[in-house]
Amino acid sequence: MPAKLRKSKKDKMLAGVCAGLAEYLGWDPTIIRIIFVVLAFSYGFAILAYFILAIVMPD
C-alpha cells in the first residue's frame, strides 16, 4: 500500500507539514525543514506554501 501524504502527529514542530512530507518521501524531517528555511529566506514562497499545506493536508 502506498504511503499517504498527511501531517505528522508524532514529530511536529508547528503544524507537522515538514515531518509529514518527510514521512511521505522517506527522508529525515530535518532536511525538509532546512529546505523550507532556505527557500523562505531566498525566495519567500516557502512560507506561503507551508501555510497552504497546513490548511490542505489532512491530519
C-alpha atoms as a PDB file:
ATOM      1  CA  MET A   1       0.000   0.000   0.000  1.00  0.00           C
ATOM      2  CA  PRO A   2       1.492   3.398  -0.954  1.00  0.00           C
ATOM      3  CA  ALA A   3       2.119   5.994   1.717  1.00  0.00           C
ATOM      4  CA  LYS A   4      -0.393   8.810   2.127  1.00  0.00           C
ATOM      5  CA  LEU A   5       0.561  12.445   2.454  1.00  0.00           C
ATOM      6  CA  ARG A   6      -0.564  13.548   5.910  1.00  0.00           C
ATOM      7  CA  LYS A   7       0.607  15.897   8.640  1.00  0.00           C
ATOM      8  CA  SER A   8       2.714  14.187  11.259  1.00  0.00           C
ATOM      9  CA  LYS A   9       1.305  13.751  14.743  1.00  0.00           C
ATOM     10  CA  LYS A  10       4.463  12.441  16.411  1.00  0.00           C
ATOM     11  CA  ASP A  11       7.239  14.657  15.008  1.00  0.00           C
ATOM     12  CA  LYS A  12       5.685  18.049  14.537  1.00  0.00           C
ATOM     13  CA  MET A  13       7.085  21.444  15.373  1.00  0.00           C
ATOM     14  CA  LEU A  14       4.456  23.874  14.082  1.00  0.00           C
ATOM     15  CA  ALA A  15       1.770  22.121  12.087  1.00  0.00           C
ATOM     16  CA  GLY A  16       3.507  18.863  11.177  1.00  0.00           C
ATOM     17  CA  VAL A  17       3.805  19.679   7.472  1.00  0.00           C
ATOM     18  CA  CYS A  18       7.568  19.152   7.127  1.00  0.00           C
ATOM     19  CA  ALA A  19       7.515  15.935   9.146  1.00  0.00           C
ATOM     20  CA  GLY A  20       4.555  14.684   7.112  1.00  0.00           C
ATOM     21  CA  LEU A  21       6.384  15.404   3.862  1.00  0.00           C
ATOM     22  CA  ALA A  22       9.471  13.669   5.235  1.00  0.00           C
ATOM     23  CA  GLU A  23       7.476  10.563   6.173  1.00  0.00           C
ATOM     24  CA  TYR A  24       5.894  10.515   2.719  1.00  0.00           C
ATOM     25  CA  LEU A  25       9.245  10.867   0.920  1.00  0.00           C
ATOM     26  CA  GLY A  26      11.181   8.654   3.342  1.00  0.00           C
ATOM     27  CA  TRP A  27      13.584  11.450   4.259  1.00  0.00           C
ATOM     28  CA  ASP A  28      14.754  12.916   7.544  1.00  0.00           C
ATOM     29  CA  PRO A  29      12.419  15.722   8.731  1.00  0.00           C
ATOM     30  CA  THR A  30      15.412  17.954   9.485  1.00  0.00           C
ATOM     31  CA  ILE A  31      16.369  18.002   5.804  1.00  0.00           C
ATOM     32  CA  ILE A  32      12.875  19.093   4.781  1.00  0.00           C
ATOM     33  CA  ARG A  33      12.865  21.797   7.464  1.00  0.00           C
ATOM     34  CA  ILE A  34      16.238  23.127   6.296  1.00  0.00           C
ATOM     35  CA  ILE A  35      14.980  23.209   2.704  1.00  0.00           C
ATOM     36  CA  PHE A  36      11.885  25.171   3.784  1.00  0.00           C
ATOM     37  CA  VAL A  37      14.016  27.681   5.737  1.00  0.00           C
ATOM     38  CA  VAL A  38      16.460  28.182   2.857  1.00  0.00           C
ATOM     39  CA  LEU A  39      13.604  28.664   0.377  1.00  0.00           C
ATOM     40  CA  ALA A  40      11.828  31.029   2.771  1.00  0.00           C
ATOM     41  CA  PHE A  41      14.876  33.271   3.068  1.00  0.00           C
ATOM     42  CA  SER A  42      15.874  33.116  -0.582  1.00  0.00           C
ATOM     43  CA  TYR A  43      12.556  33.262  -2.414  1.00  0.00           C
ATOM     44  CA  GLY A  44       9.867  33.735   0.216  1.00  0.00           C
ATOM     45  CA  PHE A  45       7.308  31.446  -1.402  1.00  0.00           C
ATOM     46  CA  ALA A  46       8.039  28.623   1.058  1.00  0.00           C
ATOM     47  CA  ILE A  47       6.188  30.483   3.810  1.00  0.00           C
ATOM     48  CA  LEU A  48       3.075  30.702   1.670  1.00  0.00           C
ATOM     49  CA  ALA A  49       3.468  27.077   0.575  1.00  0.00           C
ATOM     50  CA  TYR A  50       3.804  25.954   4.210  1.00  0.00           C
ATOM     51  CA  PHE A  51       0.596  27.673   5.272  1.00  0.00           C
ATOM     52  CA  ILE A  52      -1.289  26.349   2.256  1.00  0.00           C
ATOM     53  CA  LEU A  53      -0.076  22.831   3.006  1.00  0.00           C
ATOM     54  CA  ALA A  54      -1.003  23.253   6.676  1.00  0.00           C
ATOM     55  CA  ILE A  55      -4.569  24.000   5.629  1.00  0.00           C
ATOM     56  CA  VAL A  56      -4.872  21.466   2.792  1.00  0.00           C
ATOM     57  CA  MET A  57      -3.059  18.412   4.215  1.00  0.00           C
ATOM     58  CA  PRO A  58      -5.235  16.072   6.305  1.00  0.00           C
ATOM     59  CA  ASP A  59      -4.310  15.250   9.893  1.00  0.00           C
END
